[in-house]
Protein backbone atom coordinates (compact mmCIF):
# COMPACT_ATOMS: atom_id res chain seq x y z
CA MET A 1 -33.51 72.13 236.90
CA SER A 2 -30.75 73.74 234.88
CA GLN A 3 -29.96 77.40 235.43
CA ASN A 4 -28.59 79.96 232.98
CA ARG A 5 -26.09 82.66 233.92
CA HIS A 6 -28.93 84.89 235.17
CA GLY A 7 -30.16 82.20 237.54
CA SER A 8 -33.30 81.53 235.51
CA ARG A 9 -34.43 78.50 233.54
CA SER A 10 -32.97 77.71 230.17
CA PRO A 11 -35.27 79.00 227.41
CA GLY A 12 -38.14 76.65 226.75
CA GLU A 13 -37.43 74.43 229.75
CA HIS A 14 -40.56 73.21 231.59
CA ASP A 15 -42.88 75.38 229.51
CA GLY A 16 -45.90 73.94 231.33
CA ASP A 17 -44.56 74.97 234.74
CA TYR A 18 -46.65 78.12 234.94
CA ASP A 19 -50.08 79.28 236.05
CA ALA A 20 -52.44 81.41 234.00
CA VAL A 21 -54.78 84.18 235.15
CA VAL A 22 -57.46 85.17 232.65
CA LEU A 23 -59.45 88.35 233.26
CA ALA A 24 -62.99 87.89 231.93
CA GLY A 25 -65.19 90.10 234.07
CA GLY A 26 -65.18 93.48 232.31
CA ALA A 27 -68.32 95.46 231.55
CA ALA A 28 -67.78 95.48 227.74
CA ARG A 29 -69.31 98.94 227.43
CA ARG A 30 -68.12 99.34 223.84
CA LEU A 31 -70.06 96.19 223.01
CA GLY A 32 -73.21 97.62 224.53
CA GLY A 33 -72.80 95.54 227.68
CA ALA A 34 -72.77 92.24 225.76
CA ASP A 35 -71.24 89.16 227.35
CA LYS A 36 -67.89 89.63 225.63
CA PRO A 37 -66.16 86.43 226.87
CA GLY A 38 -69.12 84.47 225.49
CA VAL A 39 -69.14 86.11 222.05
CA ARG A 40 -68.32 83.47 219.47
CA VAL A 41 -65.61 83.77 216.85
CA GLY A 42 -65.23 80.75 214.62
CA GLY A 43 -67.91 78.92 216.57
CA ARG A 44 -66.00 79.21 219.87
CA ALA A 45 -66.45 81.63 222.74
CA LEU A 46 -63.64 84.16 223.03
CA LEU A 47 -62.90 82.89 226.53
CA ASP A 48 -62.57 79.29 225.29
CA ARG A 49 -60.18 80.41 222.58
CA VAL A 50 -57.92 82.03 225.19
CA LEU A 51 -58.17 79.00 227.48
CA ALA A 52 -57.00 76.80 224.61
CA ALA A 53 -53.88 78.95 224.20
CA CYS A 54 -52.83 78.31 227.82
CA ALA A 55 -54.08 74.73 228.01
CA ASP A 56 -50.75 73.44 229.36
CA ALA A 57 -50.79 75.77 232.36
CA ARG A 58 -50.52 73.97 235.67
CA ASN A 59 -53.56 75.87 236.90
CA THR A 60 -55.77 78.37 235.13
CA VAL A 61 -57.68 80.98 237.13
CA VAL A 62 -60.50 82.89 235.45
CA VAL A 63 -61.59 86.06 237.23
CA ALA A 64 -65.28 86.37 236.41
CA ASP A 65 -68.61 84.91 237.40
CA PRO A 66 -68.57 81.14 236.74
CA ARG A 67 -69.86 79.89 233.38
CA PRO A 68 -69.53 76.72 231.31
CA THR A 69 -66.10 76.47 229.67
CA ALA A 70 -64.44 73.97 227.36
CA ARG A 71 -61.65 73.38 229.90
CA PRO A 72 -61.68 73.11 233.70
CA VAL A 73 -60.61 76.28 235.51
CA THR A 74 -60.51 77.82 238.97
CA TRP A 75 -62.95 80.71 239.41
CA ALA A 76 -62.27 83.91 241.33
CA ARG A 77 -63.93 87.32 241.59
CA GLU A 78 -62.76 90.72 242.76
CA ASP A 79 -64.74 92.35 245.58
CA PRO A 80 -66.58 94.43 244.67
CA PRO A 81 -67.05 93.15 241.10
CA GLY A 82 -66.11 95.58 238.37
CA GLY A 83 -63.11 96.97 240.24
CA GLY A 84 -60.88 97.00 237.16
CA PRO A 85 -58.07 94.79 235.87
CA LEU A 86 -55.69 95.44 238.76
CA ALA A 87 -58.31 94.43 241.31
CA ALA A 88 -59.18 91.39 239.19
CA LEU A 89 -55.52 90.35 239.09
CA GLY A 90 -55.39 90.82 242.85
CA ALA A 91 -58.31 88.39 243.18
CA GLY A 92 -56.88 85.79 240.83
CA LEU A 93 -53.21 85.77 241.79
CA PRO A 94 -53.68 84.20 245.28
CA HIS A 95 -55.01 81.06 243.55
CA THR A 96 -51.68 80.53 241.76
CA THR A 97 -48.59 78.75 243.07
CA ALA A 98 -46.18 78.62 240.10
CA ASP A 99 -43.09 80.82 239.85
CA ARG A 100 -44.32 82.19 236.52
CA VAL A 101 -47.75 83.62 235.77
CA VAL A 102 -49.21 84.31 232.36
CA LEU A 103 -51.76 87.13 232.52
CA LEU A 104 -54.33 87.26 229.71
CA SER A 105 -57.52 89.06 228.84
CA ALA A 106 -60.46 87.01 227.57
CA ASP A 107 -60.90 88.86 224.27
CA LEU A 108 -57.91 87.66 222.22
CA PRO A 109 -59.27 85.69 219.25
CA PHE A 110 -55.87 84.99 217.66
CA LEU A 111 -53.84 84.16 220.74
CA GLY A 112 -52.21 80.74 220.37
CA THR A 113 -49.99 78.44 222.36
CA PRO A 114 -46.85 79.51 220.43
CA THR A 115 -47.27 83.09 221.66
CA VAL A 116 -47.68 81.95 225.26
CA LYS A 117 -44.58 79.78 224.96
CA GLY A 118 -42.71 82.70 223.38
CA LEU A 119 -43.53 84.97 226.31
CA LEU A 120 -42.35 82.36 228.79
CA ALA A 121 -39.17 81.64 226.84
CA GLU A 122 -38.30 85.34 226.71
CA LEU A 123 -38.96 85.61 230.45
CA ASP A 124 -36.64 82.68 231.14
CA ALA A 125 -33.92 84.09 228.90
CA GLY A 126 -33.37 87.21 231.02
CA THR A 127 -33.82 88.78 234.42
CA ALA A 128 -36.83 91.05 233.80
CA ASP A 129 -39.87 90.89 236.06
CA GLY A 130 -42.13 90.35 233.06
CA VAL A 131 -42.47 90.17 229.29
CA VAL A 132 -45.37 91.96 227.62
CA LEU A 133 -46.65 91.81 224.08
CA THR A 134 -46.83 94.99 222.04
CA ASP A 135 -49.45 95.79 219.41
CA PRO A 136 -48.73 96.96 215.83
CA ASP A 137 -48.37 100.56 217.08
CA GLY A 138 -45.79 99.55 219.68
CA ARG A 139 -48.12 99.98 222.64
CA ASP A 140 -47.77 97.63 225.61
CA GLN A 141 -50.45 94.98 226.12
CA PRO A 142 -49.91 94.11 229.80
CA LEU A 143 -52.86 91.67 229.66
CA VAL A 144 -50.93 89.54 227.18
CA ALA A 145 -47.85 88.93 229.26
CA ALA A 146 -45.77 86.58 231.38
CA TYR A 147 -44.59 87.68 234.82
CA ARG A 148 -42.44 86.33 237.60
CA ALA A 149 -44.74 85.62 240.50
CA ARG A 150 -42.59 87.07 243.30
CA PRO A 151 -42.35 90.68 242.03
CA LEU A 152 -45.99 90.49 240.97
CA HIS A 153 -47.09 89.57 244.50
CA GLY A 154 -44.78 92.13 246.04
CA THR A 155 -45.91 95.00 243.86
CA LEU A 156 -49.60 94.24 244.42
CA ALA A 157 -49.02 94.12 248.18
CA SER A 158 -47.27 97.51 248.07
CA LEU A 159 -50.09 99.06 246.05
CA ARG A 160 -52.70 97.69 248.47
CA THR A 161 -50.85 99.22 251.39
CA GLU A 162 -50.33 102.56 249.67
CA HIS A 163 -53.89 102.97 248.34
CA GLY A 164 -55.90 100.93 250.83
CA GLY A 165 -56.89 98.44 248.11
CA LEU A 166 -56.69 97.83 244.37
CA THR A 167 -60.22 98.77 243.27
CA GLY A 168 -60.20 101.38 240.56
CA LEU A 169 -56.41 101.58 240.23
CA PRO A 170 -55.12 101.61 236.63
CA LEU A 171 -52.98 98.73 235.48
CA ARG A 172 -50.11 101.10 234.72
CA ARG A 173 -49.55 101.44 238.49
CA LEU A 174 -48.40 97.82 238.36
CA THR A 175 -46.41 97.90 235.12
CA ALA A 176 -44.63 101.14 236.05
CA ALA A 177 -43.22 99.43 239.13
CA LEU A 178 -41.90 96.39 237.24
CA ASN A 179 -38.86 95.85 235.05
CA LEU A 180 -40.39 94.71 231.76
CA THR A 181 -39.15 93.56 228.39
CA ARG A 182 -41.26 93.46 225.26
CA ILE A 183 -41.88 91.30 222.21
CA SER A 184 -44.04 92.14 219.22
CA ASP A 185 -46.86 90.00 217.88
CA PRO A 186 -49.37 92.12 215.94
CA VAL A 187 -51.74 89.21 215.34
CA ALA A 188 -51.87 87.70 218.84
CA SER A 189 -52.21 91.16 220.41
CA PHE A 190 -55.42 91.88 218.47
CA ASP A 191 -58.26 92.23 220.98
CA CYS A 192 -62.01 92.63 220.50
CA ASP A 193 -63.31 95.83 222.06
CA THR A 194 -66.01 96.68 219.50
CA TRP A 195 -68.41 94.89 217.18
CA ASP A 196 -66.20 96.00 214.30
CA ASP A 197 -63.33 94.12 215.95
CA ILE A 198 -65.53 91.04 216.26
CA ALA A 199 -66.45 91.28 212.56
CA THR A 200 -62.78 91.63 211.60
CA ALA A 201 -61.86 88.56 213.64
CA ARG A 202 -64.68 86.49 212.17
CA ALA A 203 -63.69 87.48 208.64
CA ARG A 204 -60.01 86.68 209.16
CA ILE A 205 -60.49 83.14 210.37
CA ARG A 206 -62.53 82.36 207.25
CA GLU A 207 -59.72 83.41 204.94
CA HIS A 208 -58.25 80.57 202.91
CA GLY A 209 -54.96 80.53 204.77
CA HIS A 210 -56.56 80.20 208.20
CA VAL A 211 -59.89 78.43 207.89
CA LEU A 212 -58.69 74.82 208.05
CA ASP A 213 -56.52 75.29 211.15
CA GLU A 214 -59.32 77.27 212.80
CA TRP A 215 -61.86 74.56 212.02
CA ILE A 216 -59.67 71.74 213.31
CA SER A 217 -58.98 73.67 216.53
CA ALA A 218 -62.70 74.34 216.99
CA VAL A 219 -63.61 70.69 216.46
CA LYS A 220 -60.97 69.50 218.92
CA ASP A 221 -62.24 71.92 221.55
CA GLU A 222 -65.85 70.94 220.93
CA LEU A 223 -65.04 67.22 221.24
CA GLY A 224 -62.63 67.64 224.13
CA ILE A 225 -59.67 66.29 222.14
CA ASP A 226 -56.14 67.32 223.13
CA LEU A 227 -54.39 65.65 220.22
CA ASP A 228 -51.91 67.25 217.85
CA VAL A 229 -51.79 65.27 214.63
CA ASP A 230 -50.34 65.93 211.21
CA THR A 231 -53.43 67.16 209.36
CA GLY A 232 -51.45 67.03 206.12
CA VAL A 233 -51.27 63.25 206.42
CA LEU A 234 -55.03 63.03 206.88
CA LEU A 235 -55.67 65.38 203.96
CA ASP A 236 -53.40 63.30 201.73
CA LEU A 237 -55.27 60.19 202.81
CA ALA A 238 -58.62 61.82 202.03
CA ARG A 239 -57.33 62.82 198.60
CA ASP A 240 -56.07 59.30 197.85
CA ALA A 241 -59.35 57.74 198.95
CA ALA A 242 -61.42 60.21 196.95
CA HIS A 243 -59.37 59.91 193.76
CA GLY A 244 -58.53 56.22 193.93
CA VAL A 245 -61.81 54.80 195.22
CA ALA A 246 -64.78 57.19 195.26
CA ARG A 247 -65.39 60.66 196.65
CA PRO A 248 -67.58 59.47 199.57
CA ALA A 249 -64.68 57.22 200.62
CA ALA A 250 -62.71 60.26 201.84
CA PRO A 251 -64.71 61.23 204.96
CA LEU A 252 -65.56 57.63 205.79
CA THR A 253 -61.93 56.55 205.56
CA THR A 254 -60.67 59.34 207.80
CA PHE A 255 -63.40 58.46 210.32
CA LEU A 256 -62.28 54.83 210.31
CA VAL A 257 -58.66 55.90 210.77
CA GLY A 258 -59.64 57.89 213.86
CA TYR A 259 -61.65 54.97 215.21
CA ALA A 260 -58.77 52.55 214.65
CA ALA A 261 -56.31 54.91 216.32
CA ALA A 262 -58.58 55.25 219.35
CA ARG A 263 -58.91 51.47 219.68
CA SER A 264 -55.13 51.09 219.62
CA GLY A 265 -54.61 53.57 222.42
CA GLY A 266 -54.80 56.90 220.62
CA GLY A 267 -52.07 59.47 220.25
CA PRO A 268 -50.44 61.07 217.21
CA GLU A 269 -48.38 57.97 216.46
CA ALA A 270 -51.49 55.77 216.37
CA VAL A 271 -53.22 58.18 214.00
CA ALA A 272 -50.16 58.35 211.74
CA GLU A 273 -49.83 54.56 211.59
CA ALA A 274 -53.53 54.02 210.83
CA ALA A 275 -53.39 56.74 208.16
CA ARG A 276 -50.30 55.15 206.61
CA LYS A 277 -52.02 51.78 206.32
CA ALA A 278 -55.20 53.25 204.87
CA ALA A 279 -53.27 55.39 202.38
CA ALA A 280 -51.29 52.37 201.20
CA LEU A 281 -54.54 50.48 200.74
CA ALA A 282 -56.04 53.34 198.74
CA ARG A 283 -53.00 53.40 196.46
CA ARG A 284 -53.14 49.62 195.95
CA TRP A 285 -56.84 49.92 195.17
CA ALA A 286 -56.19 52.61 192.56
CA GLU A 287 -53.27 50.72 191.00
CA GLU A 288 -55.34 47.56 190.71
CA ASP A 289 -58.17 49.48 189.08
CA ALA A 290 -55.75 51.04 186.60
CA VAL A 291 -54.24 47.66 185.68
CA GLU A 292 -57.65 46.05 185.13
CA ASN A 293 -58.90 48.90 182.97
CA ALA A 294 -55.71 48.95 180.92
CA ALA A 295 -56.11 45.24 180.23
CA ASP A 296 -59.70 45.83 179.08
CA GLY A 297 -58.75 48.85 177.02
CA LYS A 298 -61.10 51.01 179.14
CA PRO A 299 -60.48 54.45 180.59
CA GLY A 300 -60.04 54.69 184.35
CA THR A 301 -63.18 54.46 186.43
CA GLY A 302 -62.07 56.73 189.27
CA PRO A 303 -64.17 59.75 190.19
CA ASP A 304 -62.12 62.08 187.98
CA ALA A 305 -62.00 59.79 184.94
CA GLY A 306 -63.52 60.84 181.67
């Protein structure tokens, strides 16, 4: 493993070599005691959205009572339950073994993998004990952060000794003892504490600029697909099939492309190759139709003709 001048990894190296701890056991009093991790935004539980953001973690620990999740996790619980975020971290951290730990709350609807990778890259680029996200007002969000495991373990051990346990201690007792750096991400730091926050999140993902990516992510989670493909290629294929053949050809063609890619072993390359072949066929189909109609002196017969 290469080292930089600070003795840490080069930025971006071995991004998946980390563990994640997700705190999902709060009382959600501002939601009237609702099951906040299970509240759905864009058809997916908030907890599942956060788990998708750290899907490449070596091990993910969720501190809460067990529940069905879209991805496999390790479950932990503070004793007694409801002891606060510091006690929850103290319950989850012993289940981790990586040198880097990403700590997340379960109410972050817009957290994505790029933000997690950004936190880890910033951690690797320096010597700080941790990197925390800040919200639009510049306030620290220590539950959207990446930490080095050794100082995290050491500080928790010191706090246990000093206070006889971690129950009820505020999280600032931890962060005040650590050397932290900060990066800003006003979107990823948005958390859902109230029903107004939930409504805002639901409205945002249905905006034109976000809805397609949100839908594709939701479908992949629902179907258990960890496959990053160029959706632009598939959209172009659907357009070619709809315009050059018939509108119903678009969804059927993209389904057949997926089926063909799966039969050939799957993966982004298989999808791209199947899409390329189908798109070429759709163009040949349309060109042939145009030639025949020109010879007959007829207008085109495609779905947009006339």
